[in-house]
Amino acid sequence: MAGLYNSAAPKKAANLSINSDLLRIARELNINLSATLERALKEELSKREAAQWVEENRAAIKSYNDFVEQHGCFGDEFREF
């Protein structure tokens, strides 16, 4: 999924609010909050991009599935499983 975001873009400070106990435990465990948030956001962006692709291509996917249901897949006659 190239192009999801610009990984070379400069860092930017952001203010956010999180559960204070969660923050305390994360700090006790020396969890890098910035890296963890970036990783979580990247995963969420990837999921949403995939869901958007499915939605945008829903009609084509349905059309293909209907075709396969009616006519089978190319090469079915050669399949040995």
N, C-alpha and C. Protein backbone atom coordinates (compact mmCIF):
# COMPACT_ATOMS: atom_id res chain seq x y z
N MET A 1 0.82 -1.18 0.00
CA MET A 1 0.00 0.00 0.00
C MET A 1 0.87 1.25 0.00
N ALA A 2 1.65 1.37 -1.01
CA ALA A 2 2.48 2.56 -1.14
C ALA A 2 1.59 3.78 -1.26
N GLY A 3 2.01 4.86 -0.68
CA GLY A 3 1.25 6.08 -0.78
C GLY A 3 0.21 6.25 0.30
N LEU A 4 0.20 5.39 1.28
CA LEU A 4 -0.75 5.52 2.39
C LEU A 4 -0.52 6.85 3.11
N TYR A 5 0.75 7.18 3.29
CA TYR A 5 1.13 8.46 3.89
C TYR A 5 2.60 8.69 3.59
N ASN A 6 3.07 9.90 3.79
CA ASN A 6 4.46 10.23 3.53
C ASN A 6 5.29 9.94 4.78
N SER A 7 5.98 8.81 4.78
CA SER A 7 6.76 8.43 5.96
C SER A 7 7.96 9.34 6.19
N ALA A 8 8.33 10.14 5.20
CA ALA A 8 9.46 11.06 5.35
C ALA A 8 9.01 12.46 5.80
N ALA A 9 7.73 12.65 6.00
CA ALA A 9 7.23 13.97 6.44
C ALA A 9 7.81 14.29 7.82
N PRO A 10 8.03 15.57 8.09
CA PRO A 10 8.61 15.93 9.39
C PRO A 10 7.63 15.65 10.53
N LYS A 11 8.18 15.46 11.71
CA LYS A 11 7.37 15.24 12.91
C LYS A 11 6.69 16.55 13.30
N LYS A 12 5.53 16.43 13.92
CA LYS A 12 4.79 17.61 14.37
C LYS A 12 4.22 17.31 15.74
N ALA A 13 4.37 18.23 16.65
CA ALA A 13 3.84 18.06 18.00
C ALA A 13 2.31 18.07 17.96
N ALA A 14 1.71 17.27 18.83
CA ALA A 14 0.25 17.21 18.90
C ALA A 14 -0.17 17.05 20.35
N ASN A 15 -1.22 17.72 20.72
CA ASN A 15 -1.77 17.57 22.07
C ASN A 15 -2.90 16.56 22.00
N LEU A 16 -2.90 15.63 22.92
CA LEU A 16 -3.99 14.68 23.00
C LEU A 16 -4.21 14.27 24.43
N SER A 17 -5.39 13.73 24.68
CA SER A 17 -5.74 13.31 26.04
C SER A 17 -5.93 11.80 26.06
N ILE A 18 -5.34 11.15 27.06
CA ILE A 18 -5.51 9.71 27.22
C ILE A 18 -5.75 9.41 28.70
N ASN A 19 -6.21 8.22 28.94
CA ASN A 19 -6.46 7.76 30.30
C ASN A 19 -5.18 7.89 31.12
N SER A 20 -5.27 8.54 32.27
CA SER A 20 -4.07 8.83 33.08
C SER A 20 -3.40 7.56 33.59
N ASP A 21 -4.18 6.54 33.93
CA ASP A 21 -3.58 5.30 34.41
C ASP A 21 -2.87 4.57 33.27
N LEU A 22 -3.47 4.61 32.10
CA LEU A 22 -2.84 4.01 30.92
C LEU A 22 -1.51 4.70 30.64
N LEU A 23 -1.48 6.01 30.73
CA LEU A 23 -0.26 6.77 30.51
C LEU A 23 0.79 6.43 31.57
N ARG A 24 0.38 6.33 32.82
CA ARG A 24 1.32 6.01 33.89
C ARG A 24 1.97 4.65 33.65
N ILE A 25 1.17 3.65 33.32
CA ILE A 25 1.71 2.31 33.10
C ILE A 25 2.63 2.29 31.87
N ALA A 26 2.23 2.98 30.81
CA ALA A 26 3.06 3.04 29.61
C ALA A 26 4.41 3.67 29.92
N ARG A 27 4.41 4.72 30.72
CA ARG A 27 5.67 5.37 31.09
C ARG A 27 6.52 4.47 31.98
N GLU A 28 5.88 3.75 32.91
CA GLU A 28 6.62 2.81 33.76
C GLU A 28 7.30 1.73 32.92
N LEU A 29 6.67 1.36 31.82
CA LEU A 29 7.23 0.32 30.95
C LEU A 29 8.12 0.88 29.85
N ASN A 30 8.38 2.19 29.92
CA ASN A 30 9.23 2.88 28.94
C ASN A 30 8.74 2.67 27.50
N ILE A 31 7.43 2.73 27.32
CA ILE A 31 6.85 2.60 25.98
C ILE A 31 7.00 3.93 25.27
N ASN A 32 7.51 3.89 24.06
CA ASN A 32 7.66 5.08 23.25
C ASN A 32 6.28 5.45 22.71
N LEU A 33 5.67 6.48 23.30
CA LEU A 33 4.30 6.85 22.95
C LEU A 33 4.18 7.30 21.50
N SER A 34 5.12 8.07 21.01
CA SER A 34 5.06 8.55 19.63
C SER A 34 5.12 7.40 18.64
N ALA A 35 6.07 6.51 18.84
CA ALA A 35 6.21 5.37 17.92
C ALA A 35 4.99 4.45 17.99
N THR A 36 4.46 4.26 19.19
CA THR A 36 3.29 3.40 19.37
C THR A 36 2.07 4.02 18.69
N LEU A 37 1.88 5.32 18.85
CA LEU A 37 0.76 5.99 18.22
C LEU A 37 0.90 5.97 16.70
N GLU A 38 2.09 6.23 16.19
CA GLU A 38 2.30 6.19 14.74
C GLU A 38 1.99 4.81 14.18
N ARG A 39 2.44 3.77 14.86
CA ARG A 39 2.17 2.39 14.42
C ARG A 39 0.67 2.11 14.42
N ALA A 40 -0.01 2.51 15.49
CA ALA A 40 -1.45 2.28 15.59
C ALA A 40 -2.21 3.07 14.52
N LEU A 41 -1.81 4.30 14.27
CA LEU A 41 -2.47 5.10 13.24
C LEU A 41 -2.23 4.52 11.85
N LYS A 42 -1.03 4.04 11.61
CA LYS A 42 -0.73 3.42 10.31
C LYS A 42 -1.62 2.19 10.10
N GLU A 43 -1.77 1.37 11.12
CA GLU A 43 -2.63 0.19 11.03
C GLU A 43 -4.08 0.59 10.78
N GLU A 44 -4.55 1.60 11.49
CA GLU A 44 -5.93 2.06 11.32
C GLU A 44 -6.15 2.65 9.93
N LEU A 45 -5.20 3.43 9.44
CA LEU A 45 -5.31 3.98 8.09
C LEU A 45 -5.35 2.87 7.05
N SER A 46 -4.52 1.86 7.24
CA SER A 46 -4.49 0.73 6.32
C SER A 46 -5.83 -0.01 6.30
N LYS A 47 -6.40 -0.24 7.48
CA LYS A 47 -7.71 -0.91 7.56
C LYS A 47 -8.78 -0.08 6.86
N ARG A 48 -8.77 1.20 7.11
CA ARG A 48 -9.80 2.05 6.51
C ARG A 48 -9.64 2.17 5.00
N GLU A 49 -8.38 2.21 4.54
CA GLU A 49 -8.16 2.26 3.09
C GLU A 49 -8.65 0.96 2.44
N ALA A 50 -8.40 -0.17 3.09
CA ALA A 50 -8.87 -1.46 2.56
C ALA A 50 -10.40 -1.50 2.53
N ALA A 51 -11.04 -1.03 3.60
CA ALA A 51 -12.50 -1.01 3.65
C ALA A 51 -13.06 -0.09 2.58
N GLN A 52 -12.42 1.03 2.36
CA GLN A 52 -12.86 1.97 1.32
C GLN A 52 -12.73 1.33 -0.05
N TRP A 53 -11.63 0.59 -0.30
CA TRP A 53 -11.44 -0.09 -1.58
C TRP A 53 -12.55 -1.10 -1.82
N VAL A 54 -12.88 -1.88 -0.79
CA VAL A 54 -13.95 -2.87 -0.92
C VAL A 54 -15.26 -2.18 -1.26
N GLU A 55 -15.55 -1.09 -0.57
CA GLU A 55 -16.79 -0.37 -0.82
C GLU A 55 -16.84 0.19 -2.24
N GLU A 56 -15.73 0.78 -2.67
CA GLU A 56 -15.67 1.36 -4.01
C GLU A 56 -15.77 0.29 -5.10
N ASN A 57 -15.37 -0.93 -4.79
CA ASN A 57 -15.35 -2.00 -5.78
C ASN A 57 -16.42 -3.06 -5.53
N ARG A 58 -17.35 -2.76 -4.64
CA ARG A 58 -18.40 -3.73 -4.28
C ARG A 58 -19.15 -4.24 -5.50
N ALA A 59 -19.54 -3.36 -6.41
CA ALA A 59 -20.31 -3.77 -7.59
C ALA A 59 -19.49 -4.70 -8.48
N ALA A 60 -18.22 -4.38 -8.69
CA ALA A 60 -17.36 -5.22 -9.53
C ALA A 60 -17.14 -6.59 -8.88
N ILE A 61 -16.96 -6.60 -7.58
CA ILE A 61 -16.75 -7.87 -6.86
C ILE A 61 -18.00 -8.73 -6.96
N LYS A 62 -19.17 -8.11 -6.79
CA LYS A 62 -20.42 -8.85 -6.90
C LYS A 62 -20.60 -9.39 -8.32
N SER A 63 -20.31 -8.58 -9.30
CA SER A 63 -20.43 -8.99 -10.70
C SER A 63 -19.53 -10.18 -10.99
N TYR A 64 -18.28 -10.12 -10.53
CA TYR A 64 -17.35 -11.22 -10.73
C TYR A 64 -17.84 -12.49 -10.03
N ASN A 65 -18.27 -12.35 -8.79
CA ASN A 65 -18.76 -13.52 -8.05
C ASN A 65 -19.98 -14.14 -8.72
N ASP A 66 -20.87 -13.30 -9.24
CA ASP A 66 -22.03 -13.81 -9.98
C ASP A 66 -21.60 -14.57 -11.23
N PHE A 67 -20.62 -14.02 -11.94
CA PHE A 67 -20.11 -14.67 -13.15
C PHE A 67 -19.52 -16.04 -12.81
N VAL A 68 -18.71 -16.09 -11.77
CA VAL A 68 -18.08 -17.35 -11.37
C VAL A 68 -19.14 -18.36 -10.94
N GLU A 69 -20.16 -17.90 -10.25
CA GLU A 69 -21.23 -18.79 -9.82
C GLU A 69 -21.95 -19.40 -11.03
N GLN A 70 -22.13 -18.61 -12.07
CA GLN A 70 -22.83 -19.09 -13.26
C GLN A 70 -21.94 -19.92 -14.17
N HIS A 71 -20.68 -19.50 -14.33
CA HIS A 71 -19.82 -20.10 -15.35
C HIS A 71 -18.61 -20.86 -14.78
N GLY A 72 -18.36 -20.75 -13.51
CA GLY A 72 -17.18 -21.36 -12.91
C GLY A 72 -15.95 -20.51 -13.15
N CYS A 73 -14.84 -20.96 -12.60
CA CYS A 73 -13.57 -20.24 -12.75
C CYS A 73 -12.81 -20.77 -13.96
N PHE A 74 -12.03 -19.91 -14.55
CA PHE A 74 -11.17 -20.32 -15.65
C PHE A 74 -10.24 -21.44 -15.16
N GLY A 75 -10.20 -22.51 -15.90
CA GLY A 75 -9.29 -23.60 -15.56
C GLY A 75 -9.88 -24.62 -14.59
N ASP A 76 -11.16 -24.50 -14.24
CA ASP A 76 -11.77 -25.46 -13.31
C ASP A 76 -11.62 -26.89 -13.82
N GLU A 77 -11.69 -27.06 -15.13
CA GLU A 77 -11.63 -28.42 -15.67
C GLU A 77 -10.26 -29.07 -15.49
N PHE A 78 -9.26 -28.28 -15.20
CA PHE A 78 -7.90 -28.80 -15.00
C PHE A 78 -7.53 -28.97 -13.51
N ARG A 79 -8.41 -28.51 -12.66
CA ARG A 79 -8.13 -28.54 -11.22
C ARG A 79 -8.14 -29.98 -10.71
N GLU A 80 -7.19 -30.32 -9.88
CA GLU A 80 -7.09 -31.67 -9.32
C GLU A 80 -7.33 -31.69 -7.82
N PHE A 81 -7.98 -30.70 -7.29
CA PHE A 81 -8.27 -30.65 -5.85
C PHE A 81 -9.70 -30.31 -5.63
